[in-house]
Amino acid sequence: MKIDLRSDTVTKPTPEMLEAMMTANVGDDVYKEDPTVNELEKKVAKMFGKEEALFFPSGSMANQTAIKLHTQPGEQLIADQYAHIYNYEGGGVSFNSGVSCKLLDGHRGMITASQVKNAINPPDFYHSPLTTLVSLENTTNKGGGACYDFEEIKRIKQVCDEHKLGYHLDGARLWNALVAKKETPLQYGEVFDTISVCLSKGLGAPIGSVLIGSKSMMEDAIRVRKILGGGMRQVGFIAAAGLYAIQNNLERLKEDHKKAKEIGAQLQKLSFVKHVEPIDTNIVIFTIDGDEKEFIAKMEAKNIFFYGMGQGKLRFVTHMDYTQEMHDYFLELLQNIKWQKKAVY
């Protein structure tokens, strides 16, 4: 039995999702003539109470497009030091938009309104970059699936309004936050100018993200998407998977969260585990006493696959293809693991 806990991106479409994909009604999306894509965009925009949405092949492209919409070359955005847009999008902020990042030392990837306010460069001081955008990530990837307090999100919005800053949400795992915190998409749509949401993580679609915003911003977004190479043709076959995922896979995210918490509880019982970070959603981050590369290799020998995140951190991510049978087996394996001289027995 292979157990893949590297990411929630490793899932495969279910037979029901495949059926939805293969029977999709399609057209040429570059001409905005793909009815399934149009349906997906309309549905997601309505969920968040926004005017328009635009389908993207990846979350990174959606985020990079949003940054381009909010900024001009030479300007600066504010984000947490763990932010995906800075750490995991290939330097796209500088390459695509010519923008620098002011990185803040938040808590588990989450920043505060006070930090944001203090980080804004004086607009009349032309020696420093002009601050024009604040970008949050919810849930935080590098922060271990942590969820923002929505009241803090609103306080940051107030700072953005006072200083005329754009406000973007990298919501790659926002669905997990909504389920964990019992929040609604409409709450987020009321606060953020732009939001990206991913369909290929917790919801299990094979590909795709959606960027949401005002009509005027989305008219510009489709031009930026084209520049970045994101124009697609009969992509309704893929959009159908996203539609199916939204309609069927949201509530089941609770199962992933439950399994993650149970893994964390078991890890805390192990003598060689030094620390397990708080678990809010489906990401488990922990550190061990010993050689992490050796630990990863020995676990791979047992058909358990996961990542090291650097700085001594290891990560498990639960997802819809991580079954209850796998979970029971993995918990038992963890229960019986011993750590001696950098080896797992």
Foldseek 3Di string as FASTA:
>chain_A
DFAEQAALLPFDDDPVLLVLLVPAQFWFCLVPPGVLQVVLFVVLQVQQVADTKHKFFALLLLVLLVLQLFDAAQAEEEFAPLDCNPPPNPPSNCVVHNYYYDHDHDQLRDDALVRVLVPQDDCVPVVHHHYAEYEGEAPRDSSFRDGDDVVRLQSNLVSCVVVVHAYEYSDQPVLQNCLLVVHGSNSVSVRHQKYKYWCSGQLNQNGMIMMGHHPVSVVSSSVSCVVVVGRGTGCSSRSSSSVCSVVPRSNCQVVLQVLQVLVLVLLVPAPQWPDWDDRRGFKTKTAGNADVVLVQVQVVVVSYHHDAPPPRITMGGGHDVCDPVNSVVVSVLSNPWDDDPSHTD
